[in-house]
Amino acid sequence: MKSKLIEALAVGELSWQDYANCRGADADLFFPERGASTRKAKAICASCEVRVECLDYAVEMGEKFGIWGGLSERERRRGRRERAVRERKVS
C-alpha cells in the first residue's frame, strides 16, 4: 500500500479524495441515522481543502445520502433548486 502511495505521489496521480480531511474518519459521522447530529462531520468539512471538489462530486453523481462538501442531501437539493431557478431567469 505504501509503495502505491509513493508511486502516485511521484507521477501526480492523487485524486481530491486523497487530500480530504475525512479520509480515515468514522464513516458513521458522514452517514448519520435520521435525526442524528451532523455537526462533527460538517466541522471536519469546514476546514477541508477539497471541500468544493467533494461537493461538486456529490452533486454530479446525485449522491442521495450523507454529508458531502459540508452539506446534507437536503442542503444539496436546495442548492440545485436555487441554481435551476437562476438558470431559468437567465434564459
PDB file of N, CA and C in Angstrom:
ATOM      1  N   MET A   1       0.832  -1.188   0.000  1.00  0.00           N
ATOM      2  CA  MET A   1       0.000   0.000   0.000  1.00  0.00           C
ATOM      3  C   MET A   1       0.876   1.251   0.000  1.00  0.00           C
ATOM      4  N   LYS A   2       1.885   1.269   0.840  1.00  0.00           N
ATOM      5  CA  LYS A   2       2.761   2.433   0.929  1.00  0.00           C
ATOM      6  C   LYS A   2       3.456   2.692  -0.407  1.00  0.00           C
ATOM      7  N   SER A   3       3.871   1.614  -1.093  1.00  0.00           N
ATOM      8  CA  SER A   3       4.558   1.794  -2.379  1.00  0.00           C
ATOM      9  C   SER A   3       3.604   2.385  -3.416  1.00  0.00           C
ATOM     10  N   LYS A   4       2.309   2.025  -3.357  1.00  0.00           N
ATOM     11  CA  LYS A   4       1.344   2.596  -4.298  1.00  0.00           C
ATOM     12  C   LYS A   4       1.184   4.090  -4.061  1.00  0.00           C
ATOM     13  N   LEU A   5       1.187   4.498  -2.809  1.00  0.00           N
ATOM     14  CA  LEU A   5       1.089   5.920  -2.483  1.00  0.00           C
ATOM     15  C   LEU A   5       2.323   6.655  -2.992  1.00  0.00           C
ATOM     16  N   ILE A   6       3.481   6.087  -2.792  1.00  0.00           N
ATOM     17  CA  ILE A   6       4.729   6.712  -3.250  1.00  0.00           C
ATOM     18  C   ILE A   6       4.707   6.845  -4.773  1.00  0.00           C
ATOM     19  N   GLU A   7       4.246   5.797  -5.468  1.00  0.00           N
ATOM     20  CA  GLU A   7       4.141   5.856  -6.937  1.00  0.00           C
ATOM     21  C   GLU A   7       3.166   6.951  -7.364  1.00  0.00           C
ATOM     22  N   ALA A   8       2.023   7.013  -6.713  1.00  0.00           N
ATOM     23  CA  ALA A   8       1.019   8.027  -7.053  1.00  0.00           C
ATOM     24  C   ALA A   8       1.562   9.432  -6.838  1.00  0.00           C
ATOM     25  N   LEU A   9       2.285   9.620  -5.754  1.00  0.00           N
ATOM     26  CA  LEU A   9       2.892  10.923  -5.481  1.00  0.00           C
ATOM     27  C   LEU A   9       3.918  11.280  -6.557  1.00  0.00           C
ATOM     28  N   ALA A  10       4.695  10.303  -6.986  1.00  0.00           N
ATOM     29  CA  ALA A  10       5.749  10.535  -7.964  1.00  0.00           C
ATOM     30  C   ALA A  10       5.196  10.982  -9.313  1.00  0.00           C
ATOM     31  N   VAL A  11       4.052  10.430  -9.699  1.00  0.00           N
ATOM     32  CA  VAL A  11       3.501  10.775 -11.018  1.00  0.00           C
ATOM     33  C   VAL A  11       2.310  11.721 -10.911  1.00  0.00           C
ATOM     34  N   GLY A  12       2.006  12.184  -9.727  1.00  0.00           N
ATOM     35  CA  GLY A  12       0.930  13.153  -9.547  1.00  0.00           C
ATOM     36  C   GLY A  12      -0.453  12.597  -9.811  1.00  0.00           C
ATOM     37  N   GLU A  13      -0.711  11.361  -9.445  1.00  0.00           N
ATOM     38  CA  GLU A  13      -1.996  10.739  -9.713  1.00  0.00           C
ATOM     39  C   GLU A  13      -2.937  10.710  -8.506  1.00  0.00           C
ATOM     40  N   LEU A  14      -2.675  11.515  -7.529  1.00  0.00           N
ATOM     41  CA  LEU A  14      -3.572  11.552  -6.386  1.00  0.00           C
ATOM     42  C   LEU A  14      -4.851  12.282  -6.771  1.00  0.00           C
ATOM     43  N   SER A  15      -5.970  11.797  -6.297  1.00  0.00           N
ATOM     44  CA  SER A  15      -7.242  12.456  -6.563  1.00  0.00           C
ATOM     45  C   SER A  15      -7.595  13.337  -5.370  1.00  0.00           C
ATOM     46  N   TRP A  16      -8.665  14.107  -5.518  1.00  0.00           N
ATOM     47  CA  TRP A  16      -9.054  15.008  -4.439  1.00  0.00           C
ATOM     48  C   TRP A  16      -9.334  14.241  -3.157  1.00  0.00           C
ATOM     49  N   GLN A  17      -9.824  12.993  -3.272  1.00  0.00           N
ATOM     50  CA  GLN A  17     -10.133  12.200  -2.077  1.00  0.00           C
ATOM     51  C   GLN A  17      -8.903  11.951  -1.212  1.00  0.00           C
ATOM     52  N   ASP A  18      -7.746  11.892  -1.835  1.00  0.00           N
ATOM     53  CA  ASP A  18      -6.524  11.639  -1.094  1.00  0.00           C
ATOM     54  C   ASP A  18      -6.146  12.805  -0.182  1.00  0.00           C
ATOM     55  N   TYR A  19      -6.719  13.974  -0.430  1.00  0.00           N
ATOM     56  CA  TYR A  19      -6.419  15.170   0.363  1.00  0.00           C
ATOM     57  C   TYR A  19      -7.543  15.520   1.351  1.00  0.00           C
ATOM     58  N   ALA A  20      -8.602  14.748   1.355  1.00  0.00           N
ATOM     59  CA  ALA A  20      -9.783  15.061   2.167  1.00  0.00           C
ATOM     60  C   ALA A  20      -9.525  14.887   3.664  1.00  0.00           C
ATOM     61  N   ASN A  21     -10.039  15.812   4.450  1.00  0.00           N
ATOM     62  CA  ASN A  21      -9.925  15.729   5.912  1.00  0.00           C
ATOM     63  C   ASN A  21     -10.623  14.488   6.463  1.00  0.00           C
ATOM     64  N   CYS A  22     -11.649  14.025   5.781  1.00  0.00           N
ATOM     65  CA  CYS A  22     -12.436  12.897   6.279  1.00  0.00           C
ATOM     66  C   CYS A  22     -11.775  11.548   6.018  1.00  0.00           C
ATOM     67  N   ARG A  23     -10.724  11.543   5.243  1.00  0.00           N
ATOM     68  CA  ARG A  23     -10.059  10.281   4.926  1.00  0.00           C
ATOM     69  C   ARG A  23      -9.626   9.596   6.213  1.00  0.00           C
ATOM     70  N   GLY A  24     -10.133   8.400   6.422  1.00  0.00           N
ATOM     71  CA  GLY A  24      -9.806   7.636   7.620  1.00  0.00           C
ATOM     72  C   GLY A  24     -10.724   7.917   8.800  1.00  0.00           C
ATOM     73  N   ALA A  25     -11.613   8.892   8.657  1.00  0.00           N
ATOM     74  CA  ALA A  25     -12.556   9.211   9.743  1.00  0.00           C
ATOM     75  C   ALA A  25     -13.671   8.179   9.774  1.00  0.00           C
ATOM     76  N   ASP A  26     -14.394   8.140  10.845  1.00  0.00           N
ATOM     77  CA  ASP A  26     -15.525   7.230  11.010  1.00  0.00           C
ATOM     78  C   ASP A  26     -16.627   7.606  10.020  1.00  0.00           C
ATOM     79  N   ALA A  27     -16.938   6.717   9.104  1.00  0.00           N
ATOM     80  CA  ALA A  27     -17.954   6.980   8.075  1.00  0.00           C
ATOM     81  C   ALA A  27     -19.320   7.259   8.685  1.00  0.00           C
ATOM     82  N   ASP A  28     -19.589   6.728   9.861  1.00  0.00           N
ATOM     83  CA  ASP A  28     -20.887   6.964  10.507  1.00  0.00           C
ATOM     84  C   ASP A  28     -21.126   8.448  10.774  1.00  0.00           C
ATOM     85  N   LEU A  29     -20.045   9.218  10.926  1.00  0.00           N
ATOM     86  CA  LEU A  29     -20.199  10.661  11.115  1.00  0.00           C
ATOM     87  C   LEU A  29     -20.817  11.304   9.883  1.00  0.00           C
ATOM     88  N   PHE A  30     -20.471  10.797   8.708  1.00  0.00           N
ATOM     89  CA  PHE A  30     -20.901  11.386   7.446  1.00  0.00           C
ATOM     90  C   PHE A  30     -22.178  10.765   6.895  1.00  0.00           C
ATOM     91  N   PHE A  31     -22.584   9.650   7.486  1.00  0.00           N
ATOM     92  CA  PHE A  31     -23.821   8.980   7.101  1.00  0.00           C
ATOM     93  C   PHE A  31     -24.608   8.658   8.373  1.00  0.00           C
ATOM     94  N   PRO A  32     -25.058   9.715   9.062  1.00  0.00           N
ATOM     95  CA  PRO A  32     -25.727   9.520  10.353  1.00  0.00           C
ATOM     96  C   PRO A  32     -27.140   8.964  10.188  1.00  0.00           C
ATOM     97  N   GLU A  33     -27.614   8.353  11.243  1.00  0.00           N
ATOM     98  CA  GLU A  33     -29.003   7.889  11.284  1.00  0.00           C
ATOM     99  C   GLU A  33     -29.908   9.112  11.199  1.00  0.00           C
ATOM    100  N   ARG A  34     -31.119   8.914  10.712  1.00  0.00           N
ATOM    101  CA  ARG A  34     -32.087  10.018  10.607  1.00  0.00           C
ATOM    102  C   ARG A  34     -32.249  10.696  11.970  1.00  0.00           C
ATOM    103  N   GLY A  35     -32.116  11.995  11.962  1.00  0.00           N
ATOM    104  CA  GLY A  35     -32.285  12.780  13.179  1.00  0.00           C
ATOM    105  C   GLY A  35     -31.009  12.959  13.996  1.00  0.00           C
ATOM    106  N   ALA A  36     -29.947  12.221  13.652  1.00  0.00           N
ATOM    107  CA  ALA A  36     -28.689  12.345  14.394  1.00  0.00           C
ATOM    108  C   ALA A  36     -27.958  13.619  13.966  1.00  0.00           C
ATOM    109  N   SER A  37     -27.085  14.082  14.804  1.00  0.00           N
ATOM    110  CA  SER A  37     -26.340  15.314  14.539  1.00  0.00           C
ATOM    111  C   SER A  37     -25.347  15.144  13.389  1.00  0.00           C
ATOM    112  N   THR A  38     -25.216  16.188  12.601  1.00  0.00           N
ATOM    113  CA  THR A  38     -24.226  16.225  11.515  1.00  0.00           C
ATOM    114  C   THR A  38     -23.125  17.227  11.845  1.00  0.00           C
ATOM    115  N   ARG A  39     -23.154  17.751  13.047  1.00  0.00           N
ATOM    116  CA  ARG A  39     -22.233  18.815  13.453  1.00  0.00           C
ATOM    117  C   ARG A  39     -20.758  18.423  13.319  1.00  0.00           C
ATOM    118  N   LYS A  40     -20.394  17.226  13.792  1.00  0.00           N
ATOM    119  CA  LYS A  40     -18.990  16.806  13.740  1.00  0.00           C
ATOM    120  C   LYS A  40     -18.513  16.646  12.303  1.00  0.00           C
ATOM    121  N   ALA A  41     -19.350  16.037  11.467  1.00  0.00           N
ATOM    122  CA  ALA A  41     -18.978  15.856  10.056  1.00  0.00           C
ATOM    123  C   ALA A  41     -18.793  17.207   9.384  1.00  0.00           C
ATOM    124  N   LYS A  42     -19.705  18.112   9.613  1.00  0.00           N
ATOM    125  CA  LYS A  42     -19.627  19.429   8.990  1.00  0.00           C
ATOM    126  C   LYS A  42     -18.419  20.212   9.501  1.00  0.00           C
ATOM    127  N   ALA A  43     -18.032  19.988  10.746  1.00  0.00           N
ATOM    128  CA  ALA A  43     -16.840  20.649  11.292  1.00  0.00           C
ATOM    129  C   ALA A  43     -15.581  20.132  10.592  1.00  0.00           C
ATOM    130  N   ILE A  44     -15.544  18.841  10.299  1.00  0.00           N
ATOM    131  CA  ILE A  44     -14.409  18.268   9.575  1.00  0.00           C
ATOM    132  C   ILE A  44     -14.354  18.868   8.170  1.00  0.00           C
ATOM    133  N   CYS A  45     -15.505  18.980   7.535  1.00  0.00           N
ATOM    134  CA  CYS A  45     -15.580  19.534   6.178  1.00  0.00           C
ATOM    135  C   CYS A  45     -15.186  21.011   6.138  1.00  0.00           C
ATOM    136  N   ALA A  46     -15.519  21.739   7.176  1.00  0.00           N
ATOM    137  CA  ALA A  46     -15.327  23.201   7.184  1.00  0.00           C
ATOM    138  C   ALA A  46     -13.886  23.600   6.904  1.00  0.00           C
ATOM    139  N   SER A  47     -12.940  22.823   7.371  1.00  0.00           N
ATOM    140  CA  SER A  47     -11.527  23.189   7.181  1.00  0.00           C
ATOM    141  C   SER A  47     -10.847  22.354   6.098  1.00  0.00           C
ATOM    142  N   CYS A  48     -11.627  21.654   5.298  1.00  0.00           N
ATOM    143  CA  CYS A  48     -11.070  20.756   4.287  1.00  0.00           C
ATOM    144  C   CYS A  48     -10.695  21.518   3.017  1.00  0.00           C
ATOM    145  N   GLU A  49      -9.508  21.263   2.511  1.00  0.00           N
ATOM    146  CA  GLU A  49      -9.033  21.966   1.315  1.00  0.00           C
ATOM    147  C   GLU A  49      -9.683  21.475   0.026  1.00  0.00           C
ATOM    148  N   VAL A  50     -10.367  20.337   0.059  1.00  0.00           N
ATOM    149  CA  VAL A  50     -11.014  19.819  -1.155  1.00  0.00           C
ATOM    150  C   VAL A  50     -12.537  19.796  -1.010  1.00  0.00           C
ATOM    151  N   ARG A  51     -13.037  20.658  -0.169  1.00  0.00           N
ATOM    152  CA  ARG A  51     -14.476  20.715   0.092  1.00  0.00           C
ATOM    153  C   ARG A  51     -15.285  20.973  -1.186  1.00  0.00           C
ATOM    154  N   VAL A  52     -14.842  21.888  -2.010  1.00  0.00           N
ATOM    155  CA  VAL A  52     -15.559  22.229  -3.246  1.00  0.00           C
ATOM    156  C   VAL A  52     -15.587  21.024  -4.187  1.00  0.00           C
ATOM    157  N   GLU A  53     -14.449  20.350  -4.330  1.00  0.00           N
ATOM    158  CA  GLU A  53     -14.380  19.181  -5.203  1.00  0.00           C
ATOM    159  C   GLU A  53     -15.312  18.085  -4.709  1.00  0.00           C
ATOM    160  N   CYS A  54     -15.366  17.905  -3.399  1.00  0.00           N
ATOM    161  CA  CYS A  54     -16.237  16.909  -2.785  1.00  0.00           C
ATOM    162  C   CYS A  54     -17.707  17.228  -3.062  1.00  0.00           C
ATOM    163  N   LEU A  55     -18.076  18.476  -2.871  1.00  0.00           N
ATOM    164  CA  LEU A  55     -19.456  18.890  -3.119  1.00  0.00           C
ATOM    165  C   LEU A  55     -19.804  18.746  -4.594  1.00  0.00           C
ATOM    166  N   ASP A  56     -18.905  19.153  -5.472  1.00  0.00           N
ATOM    167  CA  ASP A  56     -19.137  19.002  -6.912  1.00  0.00           C
ATOM    168  C   ASP A  56     -19.354  17.538  -7.276  1.00  0.00           C
ATOM    169  N   TYR A  57     -18.547  16.669  -6.693  1.00  0.00           N
ATOM    170  CA  TYR A  57     -18.676  15.229  -6.947  1.00  0.00           C
ATOM    171  C   TYR A  57     -20.058  14.737  -6.526  1.00  0.00           C
ATOM    172  N   ALA A  58     -20.478  15.098  -5.329  1.00  0.00           N
ATOM    173  CA  ALA A  58     -21.774  14.638  -4.816  1.00  0.00           C
ATOM    174  C   ALA A  58     -22.925  15.109  -5.686  1.00  0.00           C
ATOM    175  N   VAL A  59     -22.869  16.351  -6.123  1.00  0.00           N
ATOM    176  CA  VAL A  59     -23.925  16.906  -6.965  1.00  0.00           C
ATOM    177  C   VAL A  59     -23.918  16.207  -8.328  1.00  0.00           C
ATOM    178  N   GLU A  60     -22.730  16.056  -8.898  1.00  0.00           N
ATOM    179  CA  GLU A  60     -22.595  15.423 -10.212  1.00  0.00           C
ATOM    180  C   GLU A  60     -23.062  13.967 -10.195  1.00  0.00           C
ATOM    181  N   MET A  61     -22.760  13.264  -9.112  1.00  0.00           N
ATOM    182  CA  MET A  61     -23.109  11.848  -9.004  1.00  0.00           C
ATOM    183  C   MET A  61     -24.521  11.628  -8.448  1.00  0.00           C
ATOM    184  N   GLY A  62     -25.163  12.696  -8.019  1.00  0.00           N
ATOM    185  CA  GLY A  62     -26.508  12.570  -7.466  1.00  0.00           C
ATOM    186  C   GLY A  62     -26.547  11.818  -6.144  1.00  0.00           C
ATOM    187  N   GLU A  63     -25.522  12.016  -5.324  1.00  0.00           N
ATOM    188  CA  GLU A  63     -25.470  11.342  -4.017  1.00  0.00           C
ATOM    189  C   GLU A  63     -26.708  11.705  -3.204  1.00  0.00           C
ATOM    190  N   LYS A  64     -27.431  10.703  -2.773  1.00  0.00           N
ATOM    191  CA  LYS A  64     -28.678  10.925  -2.054  1.00  0.00           C
ATOM    192  C   LYS A  64     -28.519  10.874  -0.538  1.00  0.00           C
ATOM    193  N   PHE A  65     -27.382  10.408  -0.082  1.00  0.00           N
ATOM    194  CA  PHE A  65     -27.186  10.244   1.352  1.00  0.00           C
ATOM    195  C   PHE A  65     -25.854  10.832   1.784  1.00  0.00           C
ATOM    196  N   GLY A  66     -25.797  11.244   3.022  1.00  0.00           N
ATOM    197  CA  GLY A  66     -24.540  11.639   3.626  1.00  0.00           C
ATOM    198  C   GLY A  66     -24.190  13.107   3.490  1.00  0.00           C
ATOM    199  N   ILE A  67     -23.142  13.450   4.203  1.00  0.00           N
ATOM    200  CA  ILE A  67     -22.586  14.803   4.191  1.00  0.00           C
ATOM    201  C   ILE A  67     -21.453  14.797   3.177  1.00  0.00           C
ATOM    202  N   TRP A  68     -21.552  15.653   2.199  1.00  0.00           N
ATOM    203  CA  TRP A  68     -20.544  15.788   1.144  1.00  0.00           C
ATOM    204  C   TRP A  68     -20.237  17.279   0.991  1.00  0.00           C
ATOM    205  N   GLY A  69     -18.977  17.626   1.061  1.00  0.00           N
ATOM    206  CA  GLY A  69     -18.610  19.027   0.916  1.00  0.00           C
ATOM    207  C   GLY A  69     -19.229  19.915   1.981  1.00  0.00           C
ATOM    208  N   GLY A  70     -19.555  19.328   3.106  1.00  0.00           N
ATOM    209  CA  GLY A  70     -20.134  20.088   4.213  1.00  0.00           C
ATOM    210  C   GLY A  70     -21.638  20.275   4.147  1.00  0.00           C
ATOM    211  N   LEU A  71     -22.287  19.665   3.146  1.00  0.00           N
ATOM    212  CA  LEU A  71     -23.740  19.825   3.006  1.00  0.00           C
ATOM    213  C   LEU A  71     -24.459  18.483   3.069  1.00  0.00           C
ATOM    214  N   SER A  72     -25.645  18.515   3.641  1.00  0.00           N
ATOM    215  CA  SER A  72     -26.502  17.329   3.676  1.00  0.00           C
ATOM    216  C   SER A  72     -27.240  17.206   2.350  1.00  0.00           C
ATOM    217  N   GLU A  73     -27.920  16.108   2.134  1.00  0.00           N
ATOM    218  CA  GLU A  73     -28.696  15.940   0.898  1.00  0.00           C
ATOM    219  C   GLU A  73     -29.750  17.038   0.782  1.00  0.00           C
ATOM    220  N   ARG A  74     -30.416  17.361   1.850  1.00  0.00           N
ATOM    221  CA  ARG A  74     -31.429  18.414   1.819  1.00  0.00           C
ATOM    222  C   ARG A  74     -30.813  19.739   1.375  1.00  0.00           C
ATOM    223  N   GLU A  75     -29.641  20.056   1.915  1.00  0.00           N
ATOM    224  CA  GLU A  75     -28.969  21.303   1.544  1.00  0.00           C
ATOM    225  C   GLU A  75     -28.502  21.270   0.084  1.00  0.00           C
ATOM    226  N   ARG A  76     -28.030  20.119  -0.372  1.00  0.00           N
ATOM    227  CA  ARG A  76     -27.624  19.997  -1.783  1.00  0.00           C
ATOM    228  C   ARG A  76     -28.824  20.131  -2.705  1.00  0.00           C
ATOM    229  N   ARG A  77     -29.944  19.532  -2.325  1.00  0.00           N
ATOM    230  CA  ARG A  77     -31.178  19.620  -3.121  1.00  0.00           C
ATOM    231  C   ARG A  77     -31.637  21.074  -3.230  1.00  0.00           C
ATOM    232  N   ARG A  78     -31.590  21.785  -2.119  1.00  0.00           N
ATOM    233  CA  ARG A  78     -31.973  23.202  -2.101  1.00  0.00           C
ATOM    234  C   ARG A  78     -31.075  23.997  -3.052  1.00  0.00           C
ATOM    235  N   GLY A  79     -29.791  23.727  -3.035  1.00  0.00           N
ATOM    236  CA  GLY A  79     -28.856  24.410  -3.917  1.00  0.00           C
ATOM    237  C   GLY A  79     -29.143  24.124  -5.384  1.00  0.00           C
ATOM    238  N   ARG A  80     -29.491  22.880  -5.699  1.00  0.00           N
ATOM    239  CA  ARG A  80     -29.829  22.540  -7.089  1.00  0.00           C
ATOM    240  C   ARG A  80     -31.082  23.282  -7.538  1.00  0.00           C
ATOM    241  N   ARG A  81     -32.084  23.362  -6.657  1.00  0.00           N
ATOM    242  CA  ARG A  81     -33.316  24.090  -6.998  1.00  0.00           C
ATOM    243  C   ARG A  81     -33.030  25.563  -7.232  1.00  0.00           C
ATOM    244  N   GLU A  82     -32.246  26.163  -6.346  1.00  0.00           N
ATOM    245  CA  GLU A  82     -31.919  27.585  -6.481  1.00  0.00           C
ATOM    246  C   GLU A  82     -31.146  27.839  -7.779  1.00  0.00           C
ATOM    247  N   ARG A  83     -30.241  26.939  -8.127  1.00  0.00           N
ATOM    248  CA  ARG A  83     -29.474  27.078  -9.367  1.00  0.00           C
ATOM    249  C   ARG A  83     -30.393  26.967 -10.574  1.00  0.00           C
ATOM    250  N   ALA A  84     -31.347  26.039 -10.530  1.00  0.00           N
ATOM    251  CA  ALA A  84     -32.290  25.866 -11.642  1.00  0.00           C
ATOM    252  C   ALA A  84     -33.145  27.125 -11.828  1.00  0.00           C
ATOM    253  N   VAL A  85     -33.565  27.736 -10.726  1.00  0.00           N
ATOM    254  CA  VAL A  85     -34.364  28.967 -10.798  1.00  0.00           C
ATOM    255  C   VAL A  85     -33.536  30.084 -11.425  1.00  0.00           C
ATOM    256  N   ARG A  86     -32.289  30.234 -11.000  1.00  0.00           N
ATOM    257  CA  ARG A  86     -31.405  31.269 -11.564  1.00  0.00           C
ATOM    258  C   ARG A  86     -31.203  31.049 -13.062  1.00  0.00           C
ATOM    259  N   GLU A  87     -31.008  29.786 -13.454  1.00  0.00           N
ATOM    260  CA  GLU A  87     -30.786  29.487 -14.870  1.00  0.00           C
ATOM    261  C   GLU A  87     -32.027  29.807 -15.708  1.00  0.00           C
ATOM    262  N   ARG A  88     -33.217  29.547 -15.152  1.00  0.00           N
ATOM    263  CA  ARG A  88     -34.450  29.868 -15.867  1.00  0.00           C
ATOM    264  C   ARG A  88     -34.612  31.373 -16.062  1.00  0.00           C
ATOM    265  N   LYS A  89     -34.220  32.137 -15.057  1.00  0.00           N
ATOM    266  CA  LYS A  89     -34.321  33.590 -15.137  1.00  0.00           C
ATOM    267  C   LYS A  89     -33.387  34.154 -16.189  1.00  0.00           C
ATOM    268  N   VAL A  90     -32.232  33.538 -16.346  1.00  0.00           N
ATOM    269  CA  VAL A  90     -31.235  33.992 -17.316  1.00  0.00           C
ATOM    270  C   VAL A  90     -31.692  33.659 -18.736  1.00  0.00           C
ATOM    271  N   SER A  91     -32.366  32.543 -18.906  1.00  0.00           N
ATOM    272  CA  SER A  91     -32.791  32.101 -20.243  1.00  0.00           C
ATOM    273  C   SER A  91     -33.873  32.934 -20.854  1.00  0.00           C
TER     274      SER A  91
END
